[in-house]
């Protein structure tokens, strides 16, 4: 077994510590803005009713639950046991498991869809090719991937979140750069969406999403 990277350990500690406050602030059933929900709804339509989907980095399960409401057979995976406890409490009919996106314990070609909704933002760019290769591996030919992330170049370091003595780096990415990395992992990008920041939600930069497909039948 390989050593756990420092950024993974830091991410787990951060969300284990702030889980309840984070869920209270962001854990409602309907994720994001109407535009974000439109992207998630469109992804669900591409996958098709009953499609098997993993919500990777699911946090308190709000996206998992939304995708389930769209007819997908979806489960959530997260590093943080504290986040998973909230997800199981709030969405008892859904399955949530602990794990790392970087070490997916899933068979090859076992899923119709993969979602990483604002989950790649704590992963340094040099680790993204391996991460995207793992997403590609677990998808069936013709399966779809949805990424959500903050658009930009400069990372932002958050210190003392919700009054706790923890810190974490939130990394941003240019859609064209993320698309190039997905192409290198064997994906074909199908759609790119960039929306302006929602000031009412405290968003400091534009928000982006990419839908990509694993070529095949």
C-alpha atoms as a PDB file:
ATOM      1  CA  UNK A   1       0.000   0.000   0.000  1.00  0.00           C
ATOM      2  CA  UNK A   2       1.344   3.442  -0.908  1.00  0.00           C
ATOM      3  CA  UNK A   3       1.769   6.212   1.661  1.00  0.00           C
ATOM      4  CA  UNK A   4      -1.143   8.619   1.865  1.00  0.00           C
ATOM      5  CA  UNK A   5      -0.216  11.972   0.269  1.00  0.00           C
ATOM      6  CA  UNK A   6      -0.139  14.943   2.615  1.00  0.00           C
ATOM      7  CA  UNK A   7      -2.882  16.753   0.694  1.00  0.00           C
ATOM      8  CA  UNK A   8      -5.228  13.800   1.183  1.00  0.00           C
ATOM      9  CA  UNK A   9      -4.558  13.711   4.923  1.00  0.00           C
ATOM     10  CA  UNK A  10      -5.087  17.468   5.168  1.00  0.00           C
ATOM     11  CA  UNK A  11      -8.361  17.258   3.236  1.00  0.00           C
ATOM     12  CA  UNK A  12      -9.695  14.464   5.446  1.00  0.00           C
ATOM     13  CA  UNK A  13      -8.790  16.328   8.655  1.00  0.00           C
ATOM     14  CA  UNK A  14     -10.342  19.557   7.407  1.00  0.00           C
ATOM     15  CA  UNK A  15     -13.712  18.028   6.541  1.00  0.00           C
ATOM     16  CA  UNK A  16     -13.807  15.749   9.579  1.00  0.00           C
ATOM     17  CA  UNK A  17     -13.405  18.879  11.690  1.00  0.00           C
ATOM     18  CA  UNK A  18     -15.896  21.216   9.975  1.00  0.00           C
ATOM     19  CA  UNK A  19     -18.447  18.645   8.806  1.00  0.00           C
ATOM     20  CA  UNK A  20     -21.446  19.799  10.852  1.00  0.00           C
ATOM     21  CA  UNK A  21     -20.909  23.486  10.119  1.00  0.00           C
ATOM     22  CA  UNK A  22     -20.291  22.779   6.433  1.00  0.00           C
ATOM     23  CA  UNK A  23     -23.469  20.718   6.146  1.00  0.00           C
ATOM     24  CA  UNK A  24     -25.501  23.412   7.872  1.00  0.00           C
ATOM     25  CA  UNK A  25     -24.193  26.007   5.424  1.00  0.00           C
ATOM     26  CA  UNK A  26     -24.191  23.985   2.189  1.00  0.00           C
ATOM     27  CA  UNK A  27     -25.945  20.674   2.766  1.00  0.00           C
ATOM     28  CA  UNK A  28     -29.432  21.326   1.416  1.00  0.00           C
ATOM     29  CA  UNK A  29     -30.958  18.802  -0.970  1.00  0.00           C
ATOM     30  CA  UNK A  30     -30.813  21.097  -3.977  1.00  0.00           C
ATOM     31  CA  UNK A  31     -27.150  21.783  -4.761  1.00  0.00           C
ATOM     32  CA  UNK A  32     -25.924  25.119  -6.025  1.00  0.00           C
ATOM     33  CA  UNK A  33     -27.816  27.450  -8.327  1.00  0.00           C
ATOM     34  CA  UNK A  34     -30.530  26.611 -10.875  1.00  0.00           C
ATOM     35  CA  UNK A  35     -27.787  26.598 -13.521  1.00  0.00           C
ATOM     36  CA  UNK A  36     -25.787  24.036 -11.539  1.00  0.00           C
ATOM     37  CA  UNK A  37     -28.845  21.864 -11.131  1.00  0.00           C
ATOM     38  CA  UNK A  38     -29.416  22.137 -14.868  1.00  0.00           C
ATOM     39  CA  UNK A  39     -25.947  20.685 -15.474  1.00  0.00           C
ATOM     40  CA  UNK A  40     -26.598  17.836 -13.034  1.00  0.00           C
ATOM     41  CA  UNK A  41     -30.008  17.189 -14.620  1.00  0.00           C
ATOM     42  CA  UNK A  42     -28.425  17.091 -18.081  1.00  0.00           C
ATOM     43  CA  UNK A  43     -25.766  14.658 -16.877  1.00  0.00           C
ATOM     44  CA  UNK A  44     -28.478  12.389 -15.459  1.00  0.00           C
ATOM     45  CA  UNK A  45     -30.215  12.431 -18.829  1.00  0.00           C
ATOM     46  CA  UNK A  46     -27.012  11.416 -20.615  1.00  0.00           C
ATOM     47  CA  UNK A  47     -26.443   8.522 -18.224  1.00  0.00           C
ATOM     48  CA  UNK A  48     -30.058   7.370 -18.427  1.00  0.00           C
ATOM     49  CA  UNK A  49     -32.551   6.200 -15.830  1.00  0.00           C
ATOM     50  CA  UNK A  50     -31.192   3.452 -13.606  1.00  0.00           C
ATOM     51  CA  UNK A  51     -27.597   4.119 -14.632  1.00  0.00           C
ATOM     52  CA  UNK A  52     -25.005   3.158 -12.029  1.00  0.00           C
ATOM     53  CA  UNK A  53     -23.150   6.241 -10.822  1.00  0.00           C
ATOM     54  CA  UNK A  54     -20.526   7.075  -8.189  1.00  0.00           C
ATOM     55  CA  UNK A  55     -20.566  10.523  -6.562  1.00  0.00           C
ATOM     56  CA  UNK A  56     -16.905  10.873  -5.596  1.00  0.00           C
ATOM     57  CA  UNK A  57     -16.167  13.307  -2.794  1.00  0.00           C
ATOM     58  CA  UNK A  58     -19.853  13.334  -1.891  1.00  0.00           C
ATOM     59  CA  UNK A  59     -19.572  15.262   1.390  1.00  0.00           C
ATOM     60  CA  UNK A  60     -22.975  15.449   3.120  1.00  0.00           C
ATOM     61  CA  UNK A  61     -24.656  13.761   0.156  1.00  0.00           C
ATOM     62  CA  UNK A  62     -26.624  16.629  -1.372  1.00  0.00           C
ATOM     63  CA  UNK A  63     -25.522  15.887  -4.961  1.00  0.00           C
ATOM     64  CA  UNK A  64     -25.908  12.147  -4.381  1.00  0.00           C
ATOM     65  CA  UNK A  65     -29.483  12.686  -3.273  1.00  0.00           C
ATOM     66  CA  UNK A  66     -30.240  15.028  -6.160  1.00  0.00           C
ATOM     67  CA  UNK A  67     -28.956  12.525  -8.712  1.00  0.00           C
ATOM     68  CA  UNK A  68     -30.994   9.781  -7.053  1.00  0.00           C
ATOM     69  CA  UNK A  69     -34.067  12.002  -7.431  1.00  0.00           C
ATOM     70  CA  UNK A  70     -33.281  12.113 -11.171  1.00  0.00           C
ATOM     71  CA  UNK A  71     -33.599   8.329 -11.429  1.00  0.00           C
ATOM     72  CA  UNK A  72     -29.954   7.261 -11.160  1.00  0.00           C
ATOM     73  CA  UNK A  73     -28.679   4.329  -9.102  1.00  0.00           C
ATOM     74  CA  UNK A  74     -26.062   6.338  -7.244  1.00  0.00           C
ATOM     75  CA  UNK A  75     -23.818   5.916  -4.220  1.00  0.00           C
ATOM     76  CA  UNK A  76     -21.514   8.391  -2.506  1.00  0.00           C
ATOM     77  CA  UNK A  77     -17.855   8.065  -1.577  1.00  0.00           C
ATOM     78  CA  UNK A  78     -15.852  10.402   0.628  1.00  0.00           C
ATOM     79  CA  UNK A  79     -12.628  10.596   2.643  1.00  0.00           C
ATOM     80  CA  UNK A  80     -14.320  12.062   5.698  1.00  0.00           C
ATOM     81  CA  UNK A  81     -16.161   9.743   8.062  1.00  0.00           C
ATOM     82  CA  UNK A  82     -17.765  12.785   9.702  1.00  0.00           C
ATOM     83  CA  UNK A  83     -19.190  13.886   6.363  1.00  0.00           C
ATOM     84  CA  UNK A  84     -20.399  10.367   5.651  1.00  0.00           C
ATOM     85  CA  UNK A  85     -22.157  10.219   9.024  1.00  0.00           C
ATOM     86  CA  UNK A  86     -24.138  13.312   8.045  1.00  0.00           C
ATOM     87  CA  UNK A  87     -24.908  11.918   4.586  1.00  0.00           C
ATOM     88  CA  UNK A  88     -26.210   8.670   6.093  1.00  0.00           C
ATOM     89  CA  UNK A  89     -28.264  10.575   8.651  1.00  0.00           C
ATOM     90  CA  UNK A  90     -29.823  12.936   6.109  1.00  0.00           C
ATOM     91  CA  UNK A  91     -30.270  10.419   3.287  1.00  0.00           C
ATOM     92  CA  UNK A  92     -30.843   7.011   4.948  1.00  0.00           C
ATOM     93  CA  UNK A  93     -32.085   5.364   1.780  1.00  0.00           C
ATOM     94  CA  UNK A  94     -28.795   5.875  -0.066  1.00  0.00           C
ATOM     95  CA  UNK A  95     -25.426   4.131   0.204  1.00  0.00           C
ATOM     96  CA  UNK A  96     -22.328   6.007   1.332  1.00  0.00           C
ATOM     97  CA  UNK A  97     -18.867   4.494   1.679  1.00  0.00           C
ATOM     98  CA  UNK A  98     -15.493   5.746   2.849  1.00  0.00           C
ATOM     99  CA  UNK A  99     -12.668   5.831   0.320  1.00  0.00           C
ATOM    100  CA  UNK A 100     -10.293   7.917  -1.753  1.00  0.00           C
ATOM    101  CA  UNK A 101     -10.851   9.024  -5.331  1.00  0.00           C
ATOM    102  CA  UNK A 102      -7.159   8.333  -5.942  1.00  0.00           C
ATOM    103  CA  UNK A 103      -7.508   4.676  -4.955  1.00  0.00           C
ATOM    104  CA  UNK A 104     -10.910   3.557  -6.205  1.00  0.00           C
ATOM    105  CA  UNK A 105     -11.756   0.065  -5.003  1.00  0.00           C
ATOM    106  CA  UNK A 106     -14.082  -0.554  -7.939  1.00  0.00           C
ATOM    107  CA  UNK A 107     -13.914  -3.038 -10.823  1.00  0.00           C
ATOM    108  CA  UNK A 108     -12.915  -1.914 -14.293  1.00  0.00           C
ATOM    109  CA  UNK A 109     -15.808  -0.763 -16.505  1.00  0.00           C
ATOM    110  CA  UNK A 110     -18.326  -1.069 -13.668  1.00  0.00           C
ATOM    111  CA  UNK A 111     -20.093   2.312 -13.791  1.00  0.00           C
ATOM    112  CA  UNK A 112     -22.236   4.257 -16.232  1.00  0.00           C
ATOM    113  CA  UNK A 113     -21.334   7.591 -14.690  1.00  0.00           C
ATOM    114  CA  UNK A 114     -18.847   9.292 -12.384  1.00  0.00           C
ATOM    115  CA  UNK A 115     -19.415  12.648 -10.703  1.00  0.00           C
ATOM    116  CA  UNK A 116     -16.715  14.705  -9.012  1.00  0.00           C
ATOM    117  CA  UNK A 117     -18.606  17.852  -8.035  1.00  0.00           C
ATOM    118  CA  UNK A 118     -16.093  20.297  -6.545  1.00  0.00           C
ATOM    119  CA  UNK A 119     -13.991  17.343  -5.373  1.00  0.00           C
ATOM    120  CA  UNK A 120     -10.912  17.741  -7.568  1.00  0.00           C
ATOM    121  CA  UNK A 121     -10.288  21.205  -6.071  1.00  0.00           C
ATOM    122  CA  UNK A 122      -8.050  19.842  -3.314  1.00  0.00           C
ATOM    123  CA  UNK A 123      -5.906  17.732  -5.654  1.00  0.00           C
ATOM    124  CA  UNK A 124      -2.637  19.257  -6.981  1.00  0.00           C
ATOM    125  CA  UNK A 125      -2.520  19.359 -10.768  1.00  0.00           C
ATOM    126  CA  UNK A 126       0.373  16.893 -10.972  1.00  0.00           C
ATOM    127  CA  UNK A 127      -1.958  14.243  -9.482  1.00  0.00           C
ATOM    128  CA  UNK A 128      -4.880  14.929 -11.848  1.00  0.00           C
ATOM    129  CA  UNK A 129      -3.682  12.670 -14.712  1.00  0.00           C
ATOM    130  CA  UNK A 130      -3.665   9.651 -12.383  1.00  0.00           C
ATOM    131  CA  UNK A 131      -6.995  10.700 -10.897  1.00  0.00           C
ATOM    132  CA  UNK A 132      -8.635  11.032 -14.322  1.00  0.00           C
ATOM    133  CA  UNK A 133      -7.120   7.717 -15.429  1.00  0.00           C
ATOM    134  CA  UNK A 134      -8.856   6.103 -12.453  1.00  0.00           C
ATOM    135  CA  UNK A 135     -12.172   7.663 -13.438  1.00  0.00           C
ATOM    136  CA  UNK A 136     -11.680   6.359 -16.970  1.00  0.00           C
ATOM    137  CA  UNK A 137     -10.875   2.860 -15.714  1.00  0.00           C
ATOM    138  CA  UNK A 138     -14.081   2.406 -13.707  1.00  0.00           C
ATOM    139  CA  UNK A 139     -16.388   3.733 -16.429  1.00  0.00           C
ATOM    140  CA  UNK A 140     -17.960   1.454 -18.985  1.00  0.00           C
ATOM    141  CA  UNK A 141     -17.378   2.334 -22.653  1.00  0.00           C
ATOM    142  CA  UNK A 142     -19.820   5.110 -23.427  1.00  0.00           C
ATOM    143  CA  UNK A 143     -19.981   6.172 -19.782  1.00  0.00           C
ATOM    144  CA  UNK A 144     -20.001   9.824 -18.739  1.00  0.00           C
ATOM    145  CA  UNK A 145     -17.974  11.914 -16.306  1.00  0.00           C
ATOM    146  CA  UNK A 146     -19.073  15.213 -14.731  1.00  0.00           C
ATOM    147  CA  UNK A 147     -16.604  17.558 -13.046  1.00  0.00           C
ATOM    148  CA  UNK A 148     -17.425  20.754 -11.157  1.00  0.00           C
ATOM    149  CA  UNK A 149     -14.702  23.179 -10.069  1.00  0.00           C
ATOM    150  CA  UNK A 150     -13.756  26.821  -9.587  1.00  0.00           C
ATOM    151  CA  UNK A 151     -12.371  28.519 -12.682  1.00  0.00           C
ATOM    152  CA  UNK A 152      -9.076  30.375 -12.377  1.00  0.00           C
ATOM    153  CA  UNK A 153      -5.336  30.099 -11.903  1.00  0.00           C
ATOM    154  CA  UNK A 154      -4.445  31.040  -8.352  1.00  0.00           C
ATOM    155  CA  UNK A 155      -5.248  28.705  -5.446  1.00  0.00           C
ATOM    156  CA  UNK A 156      -6.806  30.063  -2.272  1.00  0.00           C
ATOM    157  CA  UNK A 157      -5.754  28.976   1.197  1.00  0.00           C
ATOM    158  CA  UNK A 158      -8.498  28.933   3.826  1.00  0.00           C
ATOM    159  CA  UNK A 159      -7.349  29.273   7.435  1.00  0.00           C
ATOM    160  CA  UNK A 160      -9.481  28.778  10.533  1.00  0.00           C
ATOM    161  CA  UNK A 161     -12.614  27.676   8.710  1.00  0.00           C
ATOM    162  CA  UNK A 162     -15.812  27.958  10.786  1.00  0.00           C
ATOM    163  CA  UNK A 163     -13.667  28.967  13.768  1.00  0.00           C
ATOM    164  CA  UNK A 164     -11.678  25.717  13.830  1.00  0.00           C
ATOM    165  CA  UNK A 165      -7.888  25.437  13.824  1.00  0.00           C
ATOM    166  CA  UNK A 166      -7.694  23.796  10.402  1.00  0.00           C
ATOM    167  CA  UNK A 167      -6.622  24.980   6.966  1.00  0.00           C
ATOM    168  CA  UNK A 168      -6.973  23.752   3.398  1.00  0.00           C
ATOM    169  CA  UNK A 169      -5.990  24.833  -0.106  1.00  0.00           C
ATOM    170  CA  UNK A 170      -8.769  25.251  -2.675  1.00  0.00           C
ATOM    171  CA  UNK A 171      -7.302  24.905  -6.162  1.00  0.00           C
ATOM    172  CA  UNK A 172      -8.813  26.449  -9.271  1.00  0.00           C
ATOM    173  CA  UNK A 173      -8.424  25.376 -12.882  1.00  0.00           C
ATOM    174  CA  UNK A 174      -8.959  26.752 -16.350  1.00  0.00           C
ATOM    175  CA  UNK A 175     -11.601  24.699 -18.202  1.00  0.00           C
ATOM    176  CA  UNK A 176      -9.370  24.335 -21.261  1.00  0.00           C
ATOM    177  CA  UNK A 177      -6.539  22.972 -19.105  1.00  0.00           C
ATOM    178  CA  UNK A 178      -8.796  20.483 -17.336  1.00  0.00           C
ATOM    179  CA  UNK A 179     -10.218  19.455 -20.716  1.00  0.00           C
ATOM    180  CA  UNK A 180      -6.696  18.817 -22.028  1.00  0.00           C
ATOM    181  CA  UNK A 181      -5.915  16.609 -19.031  1.00  0.00           C
ATOM    182  CA  UNK A 182      -9.151  14.680 -19.582  1.00  0.00           C
ATOM    183  CA  UNK A 183      -8.205  14.181 -23.220  1.00  0.00           C
ATOM    184  CA  UNK A 184      -4.862  12.795 -22.114  1.00  0.00           C
ATOM    185  CA  UNK A 185      -6.709  10.277 -19.943  1.00  0.00           C
ATOM    186  CA  UNK A 186      -8.761   9.072 -22.914  1.00  0.00           C
ATOM    187  CA  UNK A 187     -11.927  11.122 -22.487  1.00  0.00           C
ATOM    188  CA  UNK A 188     -13.803  13.083 -25.132  1.00  0.00           C
ATOM    189  CA  UNK A 189     -15.173  16.349 -23.689  1.00  0.00           C
ATOM    190  CA  UNK A 190     -18.799  16.880 -24.659  1.00  0.00           C
ATOM    191  CA  UNK A 191     -19.717  20.109 -22.893  1.00  0.00           C
ATOM    192  CA  UNK A 192     -18.106  22.977 -21.014  1.00  0.00           C
ATOM    193  CA  UNK A 193     -20.086  25.390 -18.850  1.00  0.00           C
ATOM    194  CA  UNK A 194     -18.749  28.514 -17.147  1.00  0.00           C
ATOM    195  CA  UNK A 195     -20.995  30.789 -15.134  1.00  0.00           C
ATOM    196  CA  UNK A 196     -20.281  34.023 -13.320  1.00  0.00           C
ATOM    197  CA  UNK A 197     -19.868  33.882  -9.534  1.00  0.00           C
ATOM    198  CA  UNK A 198     -23.020  34.028  -7.441  1.00  0.00           C
ATOM    199  CA  UNK A 199     -22.280  36.902  -5.053  1.00  0.00           C
ATOM    200  CA  UNK A 200     -25.205  35.990  -2.813  1.00  0.00           C
ATOM    201  CA  UNK A 201     -23.518  32.644  -2.158  1.00  0.00           C
ATOM    202  CA  UNK A 202     -20.139  34.246  -1.547  1.00  0.00           C
ATOM    203  CA  UNK A 203     -18.487  32.828  -4.653  1.00  0.00           C
ATOM    204  CA  UNK A 204     -15.263  34.756  -5.403  1.00  0.00           C
ATOM    205  CA  UNK A 205     -14.628  33.452  -8.938  1.00  0.00           C
ATOM    206  CA  UNK A 206     -16.411  31.939 -11.936  1.00  0.00           C
ATOM    207  CA  UNK A 207     -17.625  28.356 -11.619  1.00  0.00           C
ATOM    208  CA  UNK A 208     -17.037  25.706 -14.276  1.00  0.00           C
ATOM    209  CA  UNK A 209     -18.228  22.229 -15.179  1.00  0.00           C
ATOM    210  CA  UNK A 210     -17.155  19.712 -17.809  1.00  0.00           C
ATOM    211  CA  UNK A 211     -19.018  16.697 -19.146  1.00  0.00           C
ATOM    212  CA  UNK A 212     -16.826  14.075 -20.784  1.00  0.00           C
ATOM    213  CA  UNK A 213     -17.429  10.640 -22.262  1.00  0.00           C
ATOM    214  CA  UNK A 214     -15.378   7.471 -22.345  1.00  0.00           C
ATOM    215  CA  UNK A 215     -15.405   6.445 -26.011  1.00  0.00           C
ATOM    216  CA  UNK A 216     -17.160   3.217 -26.875  1.00  0.00           C
ATOM    217  CA  UNK A 217     -20.559   1.802 -27.681  1.00  0.00           C
END
